[in-house]
mmCIF file of all heavy atoms, coordinates in Angstrom:
data_MODEL
# 
_entry.id   MODEL 
# 
loop_
_atom_site.group_PDB 
_atom_site.id 
_atom_site.type_symbol 
_atom_site.label_atom_id 
_atom_site.label_alt_id 
_atom_site.label_comp_id 
_atom_site.label_asym_id 
_atom_site.label_entity_id 
_atom_site.label_seq_id 
_atom_site.pdbx_PDB_ins_code 
_atom_site.Cartn_x 
_atom_site.Cartn_y 
_atom_site.Cartn_z 
_atom_site.occupancy 
_atom_site.B_iso_or_equiv 
_atom_site.pdbx_formal_charge 
_atom_site.auth_seq_id 
_atom_site.auth_comp_id 
_atom_site.auth_asym_id 
_atom_site.auth_atom_id 
_atom_site.pdbx_PDB_model_num 
ATOM 1   N N   . LEU A 1 1  ? 0.769   -1.177  0.000  1.00 0.00 ? 1  LEU A N   1 
ATOM 2   C CA  . LEU A 1 1  ? -0.033  -0.001  0.009  1.00 0.00 ? 1  LEU A CA  1 
ATOM 3   C C   . LEU A 1 1  ? 0.803   1.189   0.002  1.00 0.00 ? 1  LEU A C   1 
ATOM 4   O O   . LEU A 1 1  ? 0.353   2.281   -0.392 1.00 0.00 ? 1  LEU A O   1 
ATOM 5   C CB  . LEU A 1 1  ? -1.017  -0.002  1.273  1.00 0.00 ? 1  LEU A CB  1 
ATOM 6   C CG  . LEU A 1 1  ? -1.923  -1.068  1.296  1.00 0.00 ? 1  LEU A CG  1 
ATOM 7   C CD1 . LEU A 1 1  ? -2.689  -0.991  2.559  1.00 0.00 ? 1  LEU A CD1 1 
ATOM 8   C CD2 . LEU A 1 1  ? -2.856  -1.023  0.090  1.00 0.00 ? 1  LEU A CD2 1 
ATOM 9   N N   . ILE A 1 2  ? 2.096   1.168   0.539  1.00 0.00 ? 2  ILE A N   1 
ATOM 10  C CA  . ILE A 1 2  ? 2.925   2.261   0.599  1.00 0.00 ? 2  ILE A CA  1 
ATOM 11  C C   . ILE A 1 2  ? 4.059   2.169   -0.410 1.00 0.00 ? 2  ILE A C   1 
ATOM 12  O O   . ILE A 1 2  ? 4.810   1.306   -0.303 1.00 0.00 ? 2  ILE A O   1 
ATOM 13  C CB  . ILE A 1 2  ? 3.587   2.445   2.055  1.00 0.00 ? 2  ILE A CB  1 
ATOM 14  C CG1 . ILE A 1 2  ? 2.491   2.488   3.052  1.00 0.00 ? 2  ILE A CG1 1 
ATOM 15  C CG2 . ILE A 1 2  ? 4.414   3.744   2.110  1.00 0.00 ? 2  ILE A CG2 1 
ATOM 16  C CD1 . ILE A 1 2  ? 3.065   2.301   4.486  1.00 0.00 ? 2  ILE A CD1 1 
ATOM 17  N N   . ASN A 1 3  ? 4.068   3.063   -1.455 1.00 0.00 ? 3  ASN A N   1 
ATOM 18  C CA  . ASN A 1 3  ? 4.991   3.042   -2.518 1.00 0.00 ? 3  ASN A CA  1 
ATOM 19  C C   . ASN A 1 3  ? 6.314   3.791   -1.989 1.00 0.00 ? 3  ASN A C   1 
ATOM 20  O O   . ASN A 1 3  ? 6.531   4.908   -2.282 1.00 0.00 ? 3  ASN A O   1 
ATOM 21  C CB  . ASN A 1 3  ? 4.531   3.816   -3.709 1.00 0.00 ? 3  ASN A CB  1 
ATOM 22  C CG  . ASN A 1 3  ? 5.513   3.516   -4.929 1.00 0.00 ? 3  ASN A CG  1 
ATOM 23  O OD1 . ASN A 1 3  ? 6.348   2.705   -4.920 1.00 0.00 ? 3  ASN A OD1 1 
ATOM 24  N ND2 . ASN A 1 3  ? 5.322   4.434   -5.902 1.00 0.00 ? 3  ASN A ND2 1 
ATOM 25  N N   . ASP A 1 4  ? 7.060   3.076   -1.251 1.00 0.00 ? 4  ASP A N   1 
ATOM 26  C CA  . ASP A 1 4  ? 8.294   3.635   -0.617 1.00 0.00 ? 4  ASP A CA  1 
ATOM 27  C C   . ASP A 1 4  ? 9.375   2.559   -0.582 1.00 0.00 ? 4  ASP A C   1 
ATOM 28  O O   . ASP A 1 4  ? 9.231   1.432   -0.164 1.00 0.00 ? 4  ASP A O   1 
ATOM 29  C CB  . ASP A 1 4  ? 7.959   4.049   0.830  1.00 0.00 ? 4  ASP A CB  1 
ATOM 30  C CG  . ASP A 1 4  ? 9.009   4.766   1.588  1.00 0.00 ? 4  ASP A CG  1 
ATOM 31  O OD1 . ASP A 1 4  ? 10.258  4.627   1.148  1.00 0.00 ? 4  ASP A OD1 1 
ATOM 32  O OD2 . ASP A 1 4  ? 8.723   5.611   2.390  1.00 0.00 ? 4  ASP A OD2 1 
ATOM 33  N N   . PRO A 1 5  ? 10.601  2.884   -1.057 1.00 0.00 ? 5  PRO A N   1 
ATOM 34  C CA  . PRO A 1 5  ? 11.622  1.953   -1.043 1.00 0.00 ? 5  PRO A CA  1 
ATOM 35  C C   . PRO A 1 5  ? 12.024  1.368   0.281  1.00 0.00 ? 5  PRO A C   1 
ATOM 36  O O   . PRO A 1 5  ? 12.600  0.229   0.421  1.00 0.00 ? 5  PRO A O   1 
ATOM 37  C CB  . PRO A 1 5  ? 12.840  2.677   -1.739 1.00 0.00 ? 5  PRO A CB  1 
ATOM 38  C CG  . PRO A 1 5  ? 12.463  4.089   -1.565 1.00 0.00 ? 5  PRO A CG  1 
ATOM 39  C CD  . PRO A 1 5  ? 11.070  4.218   -1.647 1.00 0.00 ? 5  PRO A CD  1 
ATOM 40  N N   . LYS A 1 6  ? 11.710  2.141   1.324  1.00 0.00 ? 6  LYS A N   1 
ATOM 41  C CA  . LYS A 1 6  ? 11.994  1.700   2.717  1.00 0.00 ? 6  LYS A CA  1 
ATOM 42  C C   . LYS A 1 6  ? 11.159  0.501   3.100  1.00 0.00 ? 6  LYS A C   1 
ATOM 43  O O   . LYS A 1 6  ? 11.542  -0.277  3.994  1.00 0.00 ? 6  LYS A O   1 
ATOM 44  C CB  . LYS A 1 6  ? 11.766  2.825   3.757  1.00 0.00 ? 6  LYS A CB  1 
ATOM 45  C CG  . LYS A 1 6  ? 12.658  4.039   3.600  1.00 0.00 ? 6  LYS A CG  1 
ATOM 46  C CD  . LYS A 1 6  ? 12.451  5.000   4.720  1.00 0.00 ? 6  LYS A CD  1 
ATOM 47  C CE  . LYS A 1 6  ? 13.315  6.223   4.634  1.00 0.00 ? 6  LYS A CE  1 
ATOM 48  N NZ  . LYS A 1 6  ? 12.808  7.119   3.611  1.00 0.00 ? 6  LYS A NZ  1 
ATOM 49  N N   . THR A 1 7  ? 10.055  0.260   2.355  1.00 0.00 ? 7  THR A N   1 
ATOM 50  C CA  . THR A 1 7  ? 9.329   -0.970  2.690  1.00 0.00 ? 7  THR A CA  1 
ATOM 51  C C   . THR A 1 7  ? 9.906   -2.265  2.391  1.00 0.00 ? 7  THR A C   1 
ATOM 52  O O   . THR A 1 7  ? 9.436   -3.344  2.692  1.00 0.00 ? 7  THR A O   1 
ATOM 53  C CB  . THR A 1 7  ? 7.953   -0.806  2.004  1.00 0.00 ? 7  THR A CB  1 
ATOM 54  O OG1 . THR A 1 7  ? 8.161   -0.853  0.577  1.00 0.00 ? 7  THR A OG1 1 
ATOM 55  C CG2 . THR A 1 7  ? 7.222   0.395   2.434  1.00 0.00 ? 7  THR A CG2 1 
ATOM 56  N N   . ALA A 1 8  ? 11.169  -2.214  1.916  1.00 0.00 ? 8  ALA A N   1 
ATOM 57  C CA  . ALA A 1 8  ? 11.904  -3.571  1.701  1.00 0.00 ? 8  ALA A CA  1 
ATOM 58  C C   . ALA A 1 8  ? 12.146  -4.121  3.057  1.00 0.00 ? 8  ALA A C   1 
ATOM 59  O O   . ALA A 1 8  ? 12.416  -5.290  3.209  1.00 0.00 ? 8  ALA A O   1 
ATOM 60  C CB  . ALA A 1 8  ? 13.192  -3.229  0.996  1.00 0.00 ? 8  ALA A CB  1 
ATOM 61  N N   . LEU A 1 9  ? 12.143  -3.293  4.095  1.00 0.00 ? 9  LEU A N   1 
ATOM 62  C CA  . LEU A 1 9  ? 12.317  -3.773  5.507  1.00 0.00 ? 9  LEU A CA  1 
ATOM 63  C C   . LEU A 1 9  ? 11.169  -4.482  6.031  1.00 0.00 ? 9  LEU A C   1 
ATOM 64  O O   . LEU A 1 9  ? 11.239  -5.094  7.073  1.00 0.00 ? 9  LEU A O   1 
ATOM 65  C CB  . LEU A 1 9  ? 12.781  -2.597  6.509  1.00 0.00 ? 9  LEU A CB  1 
ATOM 66  C CG  . LEU A 1 9  ? 14.139  -1.998  6.192  1.00 0.00 ? 9  LEU A CG  1 
ATOM 67  C CD1 . LEU A 1 9  ? 14.271  -0.708  6.939  1.00 0.00 ? 9  LEU A CD1 1 
ATOM 68  C CD2 . LEU A 1 9  ? 15.187  -3.020  6.636  1.00 0.00 ? 9  LEU A CD2 1 
ATOM 69  N N   . ILE A 1 10 ? 9.950   -4.342  5.348  1.00 0.00 ? 10 ILE A N   1 
ATOM 70  C CA  . ILE A 1 10 ? 8.819   -4.971  5.997  1.00 0.00 ? 10 ILE A CA  1 
ATOM 71  C C   . ILE A 1 10 ? 8.950   -6.488  6.165  1.00 0.00 ? 10 ILE A C   1 
ATOM 72  O O   . ILE A 1 10 ? 9.307   -7.195  5.256  1.00 0.00 ? 10 ILE A O   1 
ATOM 73  C CB  . ILE A 1 10 ? 7.568   -4.585  5.117  1.00 0.00 ? 10 ILE A CB  1 
ATOM 74  C CG1 . ILE A 1 10 ? 7.272   -3.051  5.204  1.00 0.00 ? 10 ILE A CG1 1 
ATOM 75  C CG2 . ILE A 1 10 ? 6.399   -5.342  5.572  1.00 0.00 ? 10 ILE A CG2 1 
ATOM 76  C CD1 . ILE A 1 10 ? 6.289   -2.629  4.230  1.00 0.00 ? 10 ILE A CD1 1 
ATOM 77  N N   . GLY A 1 11 ? 8.638   -6.851  7.306  1.00 0.00 ? 11 GLY A N   1 
ATOM 78  C CA  . GLY A 1 11 ? 8.681   -8.318  7.681  1.00 0.00 ? 11 GLY A CA  1 
ATOM 79  C C   . GLY A 1 11 ? 9.964   -8.982  7.663  1.00 0.00 ? 11 GLY A C   1 
ATOM 80  O O   . GLY A 1 11 ? 10.115  -10.048 7.255  1.00 0.00 ? 11 GLY A O   1 
ATOM 81  N N   . ASN A 1 12 ? 11.033  -8.171  8.160  1.00 0.00 ? 12 ASN A N   1 
ATOM 82  C CA  . ASN A 1 12 ? 12.429  -8.681  8.014  1.00 0.00 ? 12 ASN A CA  1 
ATOM 83  C C   . ASN A 1 12 ? 13.133  -8.772  9.318  1.00 0.00 ? 12 ASN A C   1 
ATOM 84  O O   . ASN A 1 12 ? 14.091  -7.965  9.648  1.00 0.00 ? 12 ASN A O   1 
ATOM 85  C CB  . ASN A 1 12 ? 13.222  -7.718  7.070  1.00 0.00 ? 12 ASN A CB  1 
ATOM 86  C CG  . ASN A 1 12 ? 14.687  -8.193  6.843  1.00 0.00 ? 12 ASN A CG  1 
ATOM 87  O OD1 . ASN A 1 12 ? 14.913  -9.347  6.891  1.00 0.00 ? 12 ASN A OD1 1 
ATOM 88  N ND2 . ASN A 1 12 ? 15.561  -7.329  6.672  1.00 0.00 ? 12 ASN A ND2 1 
ATOM 89  N N   . PRO A 1 13 ? 12.825  -9.674  10.211 1.00 0.00 ? 13 PRO A N   1 
ATOM 90  C CA  . PRO A 1 13 ? 11.503  -10.319 10.471 1.00 0.00 ? 13 PRO A CA  1 
ATOM 91  C C   . PRO A 1 13 ? 10.641  -9.409  11.331 1.00 0.00 ? 13 PRO A C   1 
ATOM 92  O O   . PRO A 1 13 ? 9.660   -8.996  10.937 1.00 0.00 ? 13 PRO A O   1 
ATOM 93  C CB  . PRO A 1 13 ? 11.866  -11.631 11.081 1.00 0.00 ? 13 PRO A CB  1 
ATOM 94  C CG  . PRO A 1 13 ? 13.131  -11.322 11.826 1.00 0.00 ? 13 PRO A CG  1 
ATOM 95  C CD  . PRO A 1 13 ? 13.870  -10.284 10.999 1.00 0.00 ? 13 PRO A CD  1 
ATOM 96  N N   . VAL A 1 14 ? 11.153  -9.043  12.566 1.00 0.00 ? 14 VAL A N   1 
ATOM 97  C CA  . VAL A 1 14 ? 10.378  -8.178  13.444 1.00 0.00 ? 14 VAL A CA  1 
ATOM 98  C C   . VAL A 1 14 ? 10.994  -6.735  13.396 1.00 0.00 ? 14 VAL A C   1 
ATOM 99  O O   . VAL A 1 14 ? 10.448  -5.818  13.936 1.00 0.00 ? 14 VAL A O   1 
ATOM 100 C CB  . VAL A 1 14 ? 10.404  -8.668  14.893 1.00 0.00 ? 14 VAL A CB  1 
ATOM 101 C CG1 . VAL A 1 14 ? 11.743  -8.562  15.423 1.00 0.00 ? 14 VAL A CG1 1 
ATOM 102 C CG2 . VAL A 1 14 ? 9.303   -8.049  15.697 1.00 0.00 ? 14 VAL A CG2 1 
ATOM 103 N N   . THR A 1 15 ? 12.111  -6.574  12.649 1.00 0.00 ? 15 THR A N   1 
ATOM 104 C CA  . THR A 1 15 ? 12.737  -5.348  12.599 1.00 0.00 ? 15 THR A CA  1 
ATOM 105 C C   . THR A 1 15 ? 12.144  -4.310  11.620 1.00 0.00 ? 15 THR A C   1 
ATOM 106 O O   . THR A 1 15 ? 12.468  -3.223  11.553 1.00 0.00 ? 15 THR A O   1 
ATOM 107 C CB  . THR A 1 15 ? 14.250  -5.471  12.320 1.00 0.00 ? 15 THR A CB  1 
ATOM 108 O OG1 . THR A 1 15 ? 14.377  -6.079  11.074 1.00 0.00 ? 15 THR A OG1 1 
ATOM 109 C CG2 . THR A 1 15 ? 15.012  -6.175  13.390 1.00 0.00 ? 15 THR A CG2 1 
ATOM 110 N N   . GLY A 1 16 ? 11.278  -4.917  10.736 1.00 0.00 ? 16 GLY A N   1 
ATOM 111 C CA  . GLY A 1 16 ? 10.662  -4.046  9.733  1.00 0.00 ? 16 GLY A CA  1 
ATOM 112 C C   . GLY A 1 16 ? 9.287   -3.691  10.122 1.00 0.00 ? 16 GLY A C   1 
ATOM 113 O O   . GLY A 1 16 ? 8.806   -3.864  11.149 1.00 0.00 ? 16 GLY A O   1 
ATOM 114 N N   . LYS A 1 17 ? 8.551   -3.112  9.189  1.00 0.00 ? 17 LYS A N   1 
ATOM 115 C CA  . LYS A 1 17 ? 7.047   -2.791  9.428  1.00 0.00 ? 17 LYS A CA  1 
ATOM 116 C C   . LYS A 1 17 ? 6.396   -4.071  9.386  1.00 0.00 ? 17 LYS A C   1 
ATOM 117 O O   . LYS A 1 17 ? 6.819   -5.154  8.836  1.00 0.00 ? 17 LYS A O   1 
ATOM 118 C CB  . LYS A 1 17 ? 6.602   -1.935  8.340  1.00 0.00 ? 17 LYS A CB  1 
ATOM 119 C CG  . LYS A 1 17 ? 7.358   -0.456  8.235  1.00 0.00 ? 17 LYS A CG  1 
ATOM 120 C CD  . LYS A 1 17 ? 6.873   0.428   7.163  1.00 0.00 ? 17 LYS A CD  1 
ATOM 121 C CE  . LYS A 1 17 ? 7.693   1.643   6.921  1.00 0.00 ? 17 LYS A CE  1 
ATOM 122 N NZ  . LYS A 1 17 ? 7.533   2.614   7.986  1.00 0.00 ? 17 LYS A NZ  1 
ATOM 123 N N   . PRO A 1 18 ? 5.154   -4.084  9.904  1.00 0.00 ? 18 PRO A N   1 
ATOM 124 C CA  . PRO A 1 18 ? 4.435   -5.389  9.936  1.00 0.00 ? 18 PRO A CA  1 
ATOM 125 C C   . PRO A 1 18 ? 4.121   -5.995  8.508  1.00 0.00 ? 18 PRO A C   1 
ATOM 126 O O   . PRO A 1 18 ? 3.953   -5.143  7.513  1.00 0.00 ? 18 PRO A O   1 
ATOM 127 C CB  . PRO A 1 18 ? 3.131   -5.029  10.571 1.00 0.00 ? 18 PRO A CB  1 
ATOM 128 C CG  . PRO A 1 18 ? 3.371   -3.763  11.392 1.00 0.00 ? 18 PRO A CG  1 
ATOM 129 C CD  . PRO A 1 18 ? 4.423   -3.017  10.724 1.00 0.00 ? 18 PRO A CD  1 
ATOM 130 N N   . SER A 1 19 ? 4.148   -7.189  8.376  1.00 0.00 ? 19 SER A N   1 
ATOM 131 C CA  . SER A 1 19 ? 3.886   -7.858  7.056  1.00 0.00 ? 19 SER A CA  1 
ATOM 132 C C   . SER A 1 19 ? 2.364   -7.982  6.826  1.00 0.00 ? 19 SER A C   1 
ATOM 133 O O   . SER A 1 19 ? 1.939   -7.941  5.703  1.00 0.00 ? 19 SER A O   1 
ATOM 134 C CB  . SER A 1 19 ? 4.464   -9.298  7.038  1.00 0.00 ? 19 SER A CB  1 
ATOM 135 O OG  . SER A 1 19 ? 5.856   -9.224  7.117  1.00 0.00 ? 19 SER A OG  1 
ATOM 136 N N   . PHE A 1 20 ? 1.640   -8.214  7.912  1.00 0.00 ? 20 PHE A N   1 
ATOM 137 C CA  . PHE A 1 20 ? 0.113   -8.326  7.831  1.00 0.00 ? 20 PHE A CA  1 
ATOM 138 C C   . PHE A 1 20 ? -0.488  -7.560  9.029  1.00 0.00 ? 20 PHE A C   1 
ATOM 139 O O   . PHE A 1 20 ? 0.052   -7.677  10.144 1.00 0.00 ? 20 PHE A O   1 
ATOM 140 C CB  . PHE A 1 20 ? -0.198  -9.790  8.004  1.00 0.00 ? 20 PHE A CB  1 
ATOM 141 C CG  . PHE A 1 20 ? 0.442   -10.647 6.997  1.00 0.00 ? 20 PHE A CG  1 
ATOM 142 C CD1 . PHE A 1 20 ? 1.617   -11.413 7.344  1.00 0.00 ? 20 PHE A CD1 1 
ATOM 143 C CD2 . PHE A 1 20 ? -0.092  -10.866 5.751  1.00 0.00 ? 20 PHE A CD2 1 
ATOM 144 C CE1 . PHE A 1 20 ? 2.241   -12.246 6.496  1.00 0.00 ? 20 PHE A CE1 1 
ATOM 145 C CE2 . PHE A 1 20 ? 0.628   -11.769 4.801  1.00 0.00 ? 20 PHE A CE2 1 
ATOM 146 C CZ  . PHE A 1 20 ? 1.754   -12.414 5.104  1.00 0.00 ? 20 PHE A CZ  1 
ATOM 147 N N   . VAL A 1 21 ? -1.576  -6.947  8.685  1.00 0.00 ? 21 VAL A N   1 
ATOM 148 C CA  . VAL A 1 21 ? -2.228  -6.066  9.710  1.00 0.00 ? 21 VAL A CA  1 
ATOM 149 C C   . VAL A 1 21 ? -3.805  -6.281  9.692  1.00 0.00 ? 21 VAL A C   1 
ATOM 150 O O   . VAL A 1 21 ? -4.412  -6.332  8.556  1.00 0.00 ? 21 VAL A O   1 
ATOM 151 C CB  . VAL A 1 21 ? -2.024  -4.580  9.549  1.00 0.00 ? 21 VAL A CB  1 
ATOM 152 C CG1 . VAL A 1 21 ? -2.655  -3.737  10.501 1.00 0.00 ? 21 VAL A CG1 1 
ATOM 153 C CG2 . VAL A 1 21 ? -0.434  -4.336  9.582  1.00 0.00 ? 21 VAL A CG2 1 
ATOM 154 N N   . PHE A 1 22 ? -4.401  -6.405  10.759 1.00 0.00 ? 22 PHE A N   1 
ATOM 155 C CA  . PHE A 1 22 ? -5.847  -6.536  10.829 1.00 0.00 ? 22 PHE A CA  1 
ATOM 156 C C   . PHE A 1 22 ? -6.537  -5.174  10.738 1.00 0.00 ? 22 PHE A C   1 
ATOM 157 O O   . PHE A 1 22 ? -7.365  -4.816  9.818  1.00 0.00 ? 22 PHE A O   1 
ATOM 158 C CB  . PHE A 1 22 ? -6.342  -7.265  12.042 1.00 0.00 ? 22 PHE A CB  1 
ATOM 159 C CG  . PHE A 1 22 ? -7.869  -7.422  12.187 1.00 0.00 ? 22 PHE A CG  1 
ATOM 160 C CD1 . PHE A 1 22 ? -8.571  -7.736  11.081 1.00 0.00 ? 22 PHE A CD1 1 
ATOM 161 C CD2 . PHE A 1 22 ? -8.455  -7.149  13.412 1.00 0.00 ? 22 PHE A CD2 1 
ATOM 162 C CE1 . PHE A 1 22 ? -10.007 -7.843  11.220 1.00 0.00 ? 22 PHE A CE1 1 
ATOM 163 C CE2 . PHE A 1 22 ? -9.806  -7.164  13.541 1.00 0.00 ? 22 PHE A CE2 1 
ATOM 164 C CZ  . PHE A 1 22 ? -10.609 -7.572  12.468 1.00 0.00 ? 22 PHE A CZ  1 
ATOM 165 N N   . ILE A 1 23 ? -6.318  -4.263  11.687 1.00 0.00 ? 23 ILE A N   1 
ATOM 166 C CA  . ILE A 1 23 ? -6.859  -2.965  11.614 1.00 0.00 ? 23 ILE A CA  1 
ATOM 167 C C   . ILE A 1 23 ? -5.625  -2.018  11.337 1.00 0.00 ? 23 ILE A C   1 
ATOM 168 O O   . ILE A 1 23 ? -4.671  -1.938  12.117 1.00 0.00 ? 23 ILE A O   1 
ATOM 169 C CB  . ILE A 1 23 ? -7.435  -2.510  12.898 1.00 0.00 ? 23 ILE A CB  1 
ATOM 170 C CG1 . ILE A 1 23 ? -8.719  -3.438  13.191 1.00 0.00 ? 23 ILE A CG1 1 
ATOM 171 C CG2 . ILE A 1 23 ? -7.916  -0.996  12.751 1.00 0.00 ? 23 ILE A CG2 1 
ATOM 172 C CD1 . ILE A 1 23 ? -9.395  -3.086  14.552 1.00 0.00 ? 23 ILE A CD1 1 
ATOM 173 N N   . TYR A 1 24 ? -5.730  -1.282  10.244 1.00 0.00 ? 24 TYR A N   1 
ATOM 174 C CA  . TYR A 1 24 ? -4.533  -0.596  9.660  1.00 0.00 ? 24 TYR A CA  1 
ATOM 175 C C   . TYR A 1 24 ? -4.961  0.950   9.457  1.00 0.00 ? 24 TYR A C   1 
ATOM 176 O O   . TYR A 1 24 ? -6.071  1.139   9.017  1.00 0.00 ? 24 TYR A O   1 
ATOM 177 C CB  . TYR A 1 24 ? -4.096  -1.179  8.310  1.00 0.00 ? 24 TYR A CB  1 
ATOM 178 C CG  . TYR A 1 24 ? -2.985  -0.376  7.672  1.00 0.00 ? 24 TYR A CG  1 
ATOM 179 C CD1 . TYR A 1 24 ? -1.755  -0.405  8.167  1.00 0.00 ? 24 TYR A CD1 1 
ATOM 180 C CD2 . TYR A 1 24 ? -3.295  0.285   6.429  1.00 0.00 ? 24 TYR A CD2 1 
ATOM 181 C CE1 . TYR A 1 24 ? -0.741  0.220   7.447  1.00 0.00 ? 24 TYR A CE1 1 
ATOM 182 C CE2 . TYR A 1 24 ? -2.301  0.968   5.768  1.00 0.00 ? 24 TYR A CE2 1 
ATOM 183 C CZ  . TYR A 1 24 ? -0.963  0.990   6.322  1.00 0.00 ? 24 TYR A CZ  1 
ATOM 184 O OH  . TYR A 1 24 ? -0.092  1.601   5.643  1.00 0.00 ? 24 TYR A OH  1 
ATOM 185 N N   . GLY A 1 25 ? -4.031  1.835   9.793  1.00 0.00 ? 25 GLY A N   1 
ATOM 186 C CA  . GLY A 1 25 ? -4.200  3.219   9.435  1.00 0.00 ? 25 GLY A CA  1 
ATOM 187 C C   . GLY A 1 25 ? -2.956  3.843   9.007  1.00 0.00 ? 25 GLY A C   1 
ATOM 188 O O   . GLY A 1 25 ? -1.873  3.581   9.647  1.00 0.00 ? 25 GLY A O   1 
ATOM 189 N N   . PHE A 1 26 ? -2.858  4.790   8.005  1.00 0.00 ? 26 PHE A N   1 
ATOM 190 C CA  . PHE A 1 26 ? -1.740  5.495   7.559  1.00 0.00 ? 26 PHE A CA  1 
ATOM 191 C C   . PHE A 1 26 ? -2.176  6.826   7.181  1.00 0.00 ? 26 PHE A C   1 
ATOM 192 O O   . PHE A 1 26 ? -3.175  7.118   6.564  1.00 0.00 ? 26 PHE A O   1 
ATOM 193 C CB  . PHE A 1 26 ? -1.146  4.788   6.351  1.00 0.00 ? 26 PHE A CB  1 
ATOM 194 C CG  . PHE A 1 26 ? 0.145   5.469   5.853  1.00 0.00 ? 26 PHE A CG  1 
ATOM 195 C CD1 . PHE A 1 26 ? 1.374   5.343   6.481  1.00 0.00 ? 26 PHE A CD1 1 
ATOM 196 C CD2 . PHE A 1 26 ? 0.114   6.303   4.698  1.00 0.00 ? 26 PHE A CD2 1 
ATOM 197 C CE1 . PHE A 1 26 ? 2.453   5.966   6.121  1.00 0.00 ? 26 PHE A CE1 1 
ATOM 198 C CE2 . PHE A 1 26 ? 1.207   6.881   4.235  1.00 0.00 ? 26 PHE A CE2 1 
ATOM 199 C CZ  . PHE A 1 26 ? 2.363   6.773   4.924  1.00 0.00 ? 26 PHE A CZ  1 
# 
């Protein structure tokens, strides 16, 4: 959902942004 190169860190593993979210807000 976020077009940002930093999102390569997502889910890597707990050091990144969440990989899956139930209630999400940005």
